C-alpha atoms as a PDB file:
ATOM      1  CA  LYS A   1     -89.560 -16.412 -51.616  1.00  0.00           C
ATOM      2  CA  ALA A   2     -89.367 -19.955 -52.948  1.00  0.00           C
ATOM      3  CA  ASP A   3     -85.816 -20.365 -51.652  1.00  0.00           C
ATOM      4  CA  VAL A   4     -86.796 -19.070 -48.221  1.00  0.00           C
ATOM      5  CA  LEU A   5     -89.769 -21.432 -47.955  1.00  0.00           C
ATOM      6  CA  GLU A   6     -87.725 -24.413 -49.139  1.00  0.00           C
ATOM      7  CA  THR A   7     -85.008 -23.569 -46.613  1.00  0.00           C
ATOM      8  CA  MET A   8     -87.603 -23.279 -43.857  1.00  0.00           C
ATOM      9  CA  ALA A   9     -89.000 -26.735 -44.664  1.00  0.00           C
ATOM     10  CA  ALA A  10     -85.505 -28.238 -44.770  1.00  0.00           C
ATOM     11  CA  CYS A  11     -84.539 -26.696 -41.432  1.00  0.00           C
ATOM     12  CA  ILE A  12     -87.784 -27.626 -39.675  1.00  0.00           C
ATOM     13  CA  SER A  13     -87.384 -31.232 -40.790  1.00  0.00           C
ATOM     14  CA  ARG A  14     -84.120 -31.348 -38.839  1.00  0.00           C
ATOM     15  CA  TYR A  15     -85.232 -29.470 -35.725  1.00  0.00           C
ATOM     16  CA  GLU A  16     -86.131 -31.234 -32.534  1.00  0.00           C
ATOM     17  CA  PRO A  17     -89.897 -31.232 -31.869  1.00  0.00           C
ATOM     18  CA  ALA A  18     -89.422 -28.811 -28.946  1.00  0.00           C
ATOM     19  CA  VAL A  19     -87.798 -26.242 -31.239  1.00  0.00           C
ATOM     20  CA  ALA A  20     -90.499 -26.712 -33.883  1.00  0.00           C
ATOM     21  CA  ALA A  21     -93.130 -26.230 -31.162  1.00  0.00           C
ATOM     22  CA  GLN A  22     -91.522 -22.983 -30.057  1.00  0.00           C
ATOM     23  CA  TRP A  23     -91.854 -21.504 -33.545  1.00  0.00           C
ATOM     24  CA  SER A  24     -94.990 -23.233 -34.828  1.00  0.00           C
ATOM     25  CA  THR A  25     -97.424 -20.401 -34.018  1.00  0.00           C
ATOM     26  CA  LYS A  26     -95.188 -17.711 -35.501  1.00  0.00           C
ATOM     27  CA  LEU A  27     -94.671 -19.791 -38.623  1.00  0.00           C
ATOM     28  CA  TRP A  28     -98.418 -20.343 -38.923  1.00  0.00           C
ATOM     29  CA  ASP A  29     -99.095 -16.628 -38.574  1.00  0.00           C
ATOM     30  CA  ALA A  30     -96.607 -15.829 -41.334  1.00  0.00           C
ATOM     31  CA  LEU A  31     -97.538 -18.650 -43.688  1.00  0.00           C
ATOM     32  CA  LYS A  32    -101.323 -18.346 -43.495  1.00  0.00           C
ATOM     33  CA  TYR A  33    -101.007 -14.910 -45.061  1.00  0.00           C
ATOM     34  CA  GLU A  34     -99.122 -16.467 -47.959  1.00  0.00           C
ATOM     35  CA  ILE A  35    -102.030 -18.835 -48.579  1.00  0.00           C
ATOM     36  CA  PHE A  36    -105.118 -16.804 -47.718  1.00  0.00           C
ATOM     37  CA  ASN A  37    -104.121 -13.351 -49.003  1.00  0.00           C
ATOM     38  CA  SER A  38    -101.586 -13.873 -51.728  1.00  0.00           C
ATOM     39  CA  THR A  39    -102.564 -13.013 -55.275  1.00  0.00           C
ATOM     40  CA  ASP A  40     -99.642 -15.064 -56.552  1.00  0.00           C
ATOM     41  CA  ASP A  41    -100.348 -18.767 -55.977  1.00  0.00           C
ATOM     42  CA  SER A  42     -96.864 -19.829 -57.072  1.00  0.00           C
ATOM     43  CA  GLN A  43     -95.577 -19.919 -53.480  1.00  0.00           C
ATOM     44  CA  ALA A  44     -98.594 -21.700 -52.015  1.00  0.00           C
ATOM     45  CA  PRO A  45     -97.197 -25.243 -52.473  1.00  0.00           C
ATOM     46  CA  ASN A  46     -93.976 -24.268 -50.703  1.00  0.00           C
ATOM     47  CA  ALA A  47     -95.867 -22.634 -47.831  1.00  0.00           C
ATOM     48  CA  LEU A  48     -98.109 -25.692 -47.515  1.00  0.00           C
ATOM     49  CA  LYS A  49     -95.024 -27.913 -47.404  1.00  0.00           C
ATOM     50  CA  VAL A  50     -93.653 -25.898 -44.484  1.00  0.00           C
ATOM     51  CA  MET A  51     -96.979 -26.240 -42.634  1.00  0.00           C
ATOM     52  CA  ALA A  52     -96.979 -29.998 -43.185  1.00  0.00           C
ATOM     53  CA  THR A  53     -93.343 -30.267 -42.075  1.00  0.00           C
ATOM     54  CA  VAL A  54     -94.180 -28.498 -38.808  1.00  0.00           C
ATOM     55  CA  ALA A  55     -96.978 -31.022 -38.196  1.00  0.00           C
ATOM     56  CA  THR A  56     -94.607 -33.892 -38.962  1.00  0.00           C
ATOM     57  CA  ARG A  57     -91.982 -32.683 -36.495  1.00  0.00           C
ATOM     58  CA  LEU A  58     -94.542 -32.026 -33.771  1.00  0.00           C
ATOM     59  CA  SER A  59     -95.876 -35.580 -34.202  1.00  0.00           C
ATOM     60  CA  LEU A  60     -92.643 -37.349 -33.370  1.00  0.00           C
ATOM     61  CA  GLY A  61     -92.710 -39.430 -30.235  1.00  0.00           C
ATOM     62  CA  HIS A  62     -96.467 -39.342 -29.761  1.00  0.00           C
ATOM     63  CA  THR A  63     -99.260 -41.869 -29.563  1.00  0.00           C
ATOM     64  CA  LEU A  64    -102.955 -41.050 -29.392  1.00  0.00           C
ATOM     65  CA  GLU A  65    -102.753 -41.213 -25.628  1.00  0.00           C
ATOM     66  CA  THR A  66    -100.038 -38.540 -25.496  1.00  0.00           C
ATOM     67  CA  LEU A  67    -101.572 -36.106 -28.002  1.00  0.00           C
ATOM     68  CA  LYS A  68    -103.852 -34.346 -25.524  1.00  0.00           C
ATOM     69  CA  GLY A  69    -102.302 -31.002 -24.620  1.00  0.00           C
ATOM     70  CA  SER A  70     -99.304 -31.629 -26.881  1.00  0.00           C
ATOM     71  CA  PRO A  71     -97.728 -28.960 -29.099  1.00  0.00           C
ATOM     72  CA  LEU A  72     -99.167 -30.869 -32.083  1.00  0.00           C
ATOM     73  CA  GLN A  73    -102.692 -30.582 -30.712  1.00  0.00           C
ATOM     74  CA  LYS A  74    -102.182 -26.876 -30.044  1.00  0.00           C
ATOM     75  CA  TYR A  75    -100.795 -26.298 -33.546  1.00  0.00           C
ATOM     76  CA  ILE A  76    -103.614 -28.244 -35.200  1.00  0.00           C
ATOM     77  CA  GLY A  77    -106.149 -26.440 -33.001  1.00  0.00           C
ATOM     78  CA  THR A  78    -104.829 -23.071 -34.117  1.00  0.00           C
ATOM     79  CA  VAL A  79    -104.736 -24.048 -37.791  1.00  0.00           C
ATOM     80  CA  THR A  80    -108.194 -25.631 -37.810  1.00  0.00           C
ATOM     81  CA  GLY A  81    -109.700 -22.825 -35.743  1.00  0.00           C
ATOM     82  CA  ASP A  82    -108.372 -20.107 -38.043  1.00  0.00           C
ATOM     83  CA  SER A  83    -109.350 -22.062 -41.153  1.00  0.00           C
ATOM     84  CA  LEU A  84    -112.905 -22.720 -39.948  1.00  0.00           C
ATOM     85  CA  THR A  85    -113.269 -19.063 -38.981  1.00  0.00           C
ATOM     86  CA  ARG A  86    -112.237 -18.038 -42.495  1.00  0.00           C
ATOM     87  CA  ILE A  87    -114.726 -20.483 -43.994  1.00  0.00           C
ATOM     88  CA  ARG A  88    -117.542 -19.190 -41.768  1.00  0.00           C
ATOM     89  CA  GLU A  89    -116.778 -15.515 -42.366  1.00  0.00           C
ATOM     90  CA  GLU A  90    -115.647 -15.517 -45.994  1.00  0.00           C
ATOM     91  CA  GLY A  91    -117.288 -18.668 -47.360  1.00  0.00           C
ATOM     92  CA  GLN A  92    -116.392 -19.549 -50.916  1.00  0.00           C
ATOM     93  CA  LYS A  93    -113.673 -16.872 -51.072  1.00  0.00           C
ATOM     94  CA  SER A  94    -111.441 -18.707 -48.581  1.00  0.00           C
ATOM     95  CA  SER A  95    -112.717 -22.273 -48.844  1.00  0.00           C
ATOM     96  CA  LYS A  96    -110.182 -23.475 -51.424  1.00  0.00           C
ATOM     97  CA  SER A  97    -107.271 -22.068 -49.440  1.00  0.00           C
ATOM     98  CA  ALA A  98    -108.640 -23.376 -46.147  1.00  0.00           C
ATOM     99  CA  GLY A  99    -109.102 -26.832 -47.635  1.00  0.00           C
ATOM    100  CA  GLN A 100    -105.550 -26.821 -48.986  1.00  0.00           C
ATOM    101  CA  ILE A 101    -104.176 -25.822 -45.594  1.00  0.00           C
ATOM    102  CA  LEU A 102    -106.192 -28.421 -43.685  1.00  0.00           C
ATOM    103  CA  ALA A 103    -105.228 -31.169 -46.138  1.00  0.00           C
ATOM    104  CA  ALA A 104    -101.539 -30.205 -46.120  1.00  0.00           C
ATOM    105  CA  VAL A 105    -101.326 -30.095 -42.342  1.00  0.00           C
ATOM    106  CA  GLY A 106    -103.208 -33.395 -42.137  1.00  0.00           C
ATOM    107  CA  CYS A 107    -100.667 -34.957 -44.497  1.00  0.00           C
ATOM    108  CA  GLY A 108     -97.959 -34.114 -41.966  1.00  0.00           C
ATOM    109  CA  SER A 109     -98.558 -37.348 -40.049  1.00  0.00           C
ATOM    110  CA  PRO A 110    -101.273 -39.851 -39.198  1.00  0.00           C
ATOM    111  CA  PHE A 111    -101.694 -38.083 -35.864  1.00  0.00           C
ATOM    112  CA  ALA A 112    -102.042 -34.668 -37.501  1.00  0.00           C
ATOM    113  CA  ASP A 113    -104.616 -36.108 -39.887  1.00  0.00           C
ATOM    114  CA  HIS A 114    -106.528 -37.618 -36.971  1.00  0.00           C
ATOM    115  CA  LEU A 115    -106.612 -34.268 -35.162  1.00  0.00           C
ATOM    116  CA  VAL A 116    -107.583 -32.293 -38.268  1.00  0.00           C
ATOM    117  CA  LEU A 117    -110.445 -34.641 -39.106  1.00  0.00           C
ATOM    118  CA  LYS A 118    -111.614 -34.741 -35.504  1.00  0.00           C
ATOM    119  CA  SER A 119    -111.644 -30.926 -35.399  1.00  0.00           C
ATOM    120  CA  VAL A 120    -113.322 -30.038 -38.683  1.00  0.00           C
ATOM    121  CA  MET A 121    -115.460 -32.949 -39.840  1.00  0.00           C
ATOM    122  CA  PRO A 122    -118.318 -32.424 -37.376  1.00  0.00           C
ATOM    123  CA  GLU A 123    -118.854 -28.862 -38.578  1.00  0.00           C
ATOM    124  CA  LEU A 124    -118.466 -29.716 -42.258  1.00  0.00           C
ATOM    125  CA  LEU A 125    -120.819 -32.693 -42.038  1.00  0.00           C
ATOM    126  CA  GLY A 126    -123.266 -30.556 -40.054  1.00  0.00           C
ATOM    127  CA  LYS A 127    -123.425 -28.121 -42.962  1.00  0.00           C
ATOM    128  CA  LEU A 128    -124.317 -30.951 -45.315  1.00  0.00           C
ATOM    129  CA  GLU A 129    -127.131 -32.153 -43.063  1.00  0.00           C
ATOM    130  CA  ASP A 130    -128.613 -28.736 -42.270  1.00  0.00           C
ATOM    131  CA  ASN A 131    -131.573 -27.920 -44.530  1.00  0.00           C
ATOM    132  CA  ASP A 132    -131.166 -24.187 -43.849  1.00  0.00           C
ATOM    133  CA  VAL A 133    -127.634 -24.036 -45.274  1.00  0.00           C
ATOM    134  CA  LYS A 134    -127.344 -22.627 -48.805  1.00  0.00           C
ATOM    135  CA  ILE A 135    -126.385 -24.984 -51.617  1.00  0.00           C
ATOM    136  CA  LEU A 136    -123.201 -22.991 -52.246  1.00  0.00           C
ATOM    137  CA  ASP A 137    -122.134 -23.464 -48.607  1.00  0.00           C
ATOM    138  CA  LYS A 138    -122.880 -27.183 -48.838  1.00  0.00           C
ATOM    139  CA  ARG A 139    -120.770 -27.368 -51.982  1.00  0.00           C
ATOM    140  CA  THR A 140    -117.950 -25.570 -50.169  1.00  0.00           C
ATOM    141  CA  ALA A 141    -118.121 -28.072 -47.300  1.00  0.00           C
ATOM    142  CA  LEU A 142    -118.129 -30.976 -49.748  1.00  0.00           C
ATOM    143  CA  GLU A 143    -115.072 -29.630 -51.593  1.00  0.00           C
ATOM    144  CA  ILE A 144    -113.148 -29.330 -48.328  1.00  0.00           C
ATOM    145  CA  ILE A 145    -114.197 -32.830 -47.249  1.00  0.00           C
ATOM    146  CA  ASN A 146    -112.917 -34.096 -50.602  1.00  0.00           C
ATOM    147  CA  GLN A 147    -109.544 -32.421 -50.007  1.00  0.00           C
ATOM    148  CA  LEU A 148    -109.359 -33.981 -46.533  1.00  0.00           C
ATOM    149  CA  LEU A 149    -110.195 -37.430 -47.868  1.00  0.00           C
ATOM    150  CA  ASN A 150    -107.521 -37.058 -50.549  1.00  0.00           C
ATOM    151  CA  ALA A 151    -105.053 -36.220 -47.775  1.00  0.00           C
ATOM    152  CA  ARG A 152    -106.176 -39.343 -45.923  1.00  0.00           C
ATOM    153  CA  LEU A 153    -105.560 -41.388 -49.061  1.00  0.00           C
ATOM    154  CA  THR A 154    -102.070 -39.903 -49.387  1.00  0.00           C
ATOM    155  CA  ILE A 155    -101.270 -40.909 -45.819  1.00  0.00           C
ATOM    156  CA  GLY A 156    -102.483 -44.441 -46.513  1.00  0.00           C
ATOM    157  CA  LYS A 157    -100.111 -44.707 -49.463  1.00  0.00           C
ATOM    158  CA  VAL A 158     -97.009 -43.668 -47.519  1.00  0.00           C
ATOM    159  CA  GLU A 159     -97.739 -44.905 -44.006  1.00  0.00           C
ATOM    160  CA  LYS A 160     -95.379 -47.889 -44.157  1.00  0.00           C
ATOM    161  CA  SER A 161     -92.386 -45.667 -44.860  1.00  0.00           C
ATOM    162  CA  TRP A 162     -93.060 -43.385 -41.869  1.00  0.00           C
ATOM    163  CA  ASN A 163     -91.470 -43.840 -38.511  1.00  0.00           C
ATOM    164  CA  PHE A 164     -94.432 -43.205 -36.224  1.00  0.00           C
ATOM    165  CA  PRO A 165     -95.134 -45.505 -33.292  1.00  0.00           C
ATOM    166  CA  ALA A 166     -98.611 -46.798 -32.605  1.00  0.00           C
ATOM    167  CA  LEU A 167     -99.993 -46.207 -36.086  1.00  0.00           C
ATOM    168  CA  SER A 168    -102.558 -48.888 -35.364  1.00  0.00           C
ATOM    169  CA  GLU A 169    -104.073 -46.637 -32.714  1.00  0.00           C
ATOM    170  CA  VAL A 170    -104.729 -43.695 -35.012  1.00  0.00           C
ATOM    171  CA  ASP A 171    -108.164 -44.960 -35.926  1.00  0.00           C
ATOM    172  CA  ALA A 172    -109.055 -46.220 -32.481  1.00  0.00           C
ATOM    173  CA  THR A 173    -111.091 -44.100 -30.161  1.00  0.00           C
ATOM    174  CA  GLU A 174    -109.146 -42.252 -27.513  1.00  0.00           C
ATOM    175  CA  THR A 175    -110.009 -44.857 -24.904  1.00  0.00           C
ATOM    176  CA  ARG A 176    -109.759 -48.026 -26.991  1.00  0.00           C
ATOM    177  CA  THR A 177    -106.401 -49.763 -27.522  1.00  0.00           C
ATOM    178  CA  ASP A 178    -105.241 -52.722 -29.589  1.00  0.00           C
ATOM    179  CA  SER A 179    -105.472 -55.034 -26.585  1.00  0.00           C
ATOM    180  CA  GLN A 180    -109.131 -54.094 -26.183  1.00  0.00           C
ATOM    181  CA  ASP A 181    -109.973 -54.500 -29.857  1.00  0.00           C
ATOM    182  CA  SER A 182    -107.988 -57.128 -31.725  1.00  0.00           C
ATOM    183  CA  SER A 183    -109.730 -56.223 -34.994  1.00  0.00           C
ATOM    184  CA  ILE A 184    -107.490 -53.179 -35.424  1.00  0.00           C
ATOM    185  CA  LYS A 185    -104.633 -54.239 -37.653  1.00  0.00           C
ATOM    186  CA  LYS A 186    -101.142 -52.914 -37.058  1.00  0.00           C
ATOM    187  CA  GLY A 187    -100.578 -49.908 -39.317  1.00  0.00           C
ATOM    188  CA  SER A 188    -104.229 -49.659 -40.295  1.00  0.00           C
ATOM    189  CA  LEU A 189    -105.491 -46.269 -41.396  1.00  0.00           C
ATOM    190  CA  ALA A 190    -109.082 -47.203 -42.211  1.00  0.00           C
ATOM    191  CA  SER A 191    -111.566 -44.482 -42.977  1.00  0.00           C
ATOM    192  CA  TYR A 192    -113.559 -42.788 -40.269  1.00  0.00           C
END
């Protein structure tokens, strides 16, 4: 299995984004089983690497303005939707795996990270603020937020070596651009 997953990651990293988009849903469907249902965690890092590589390839050539309706947005939407559903339905049982998946996919690119955080943070923060949510569920949300913030930190450490245009716009709102707000520094990945 390890060889297959490593080969998949190597191949995806060389595919054109259109080819990666064509296979992204099928890859997700196959790889999520490896993470959520596997009793042997030895292949999880390799499966997570493939998921991140798909996000990286789907990010190429985009800016925040072009993400809407893109294959990357669809991929992230599927991943975050399935992961949040698992967290809601299975709670603590799937939270570690869901957090690993969300963090790995977010590490795929600054744009993937932006979309992951935008998709899951409102629900996770809502759990922390809700007085009716059990302490265990709040702890689960906090652990996932921690994994996402660690992913954000990882992106900040490697952002200068990545070849993504418009990195300065990642933290801008969808309607604000650098010309409208000169306080956004080129390449900035400040916290939300």
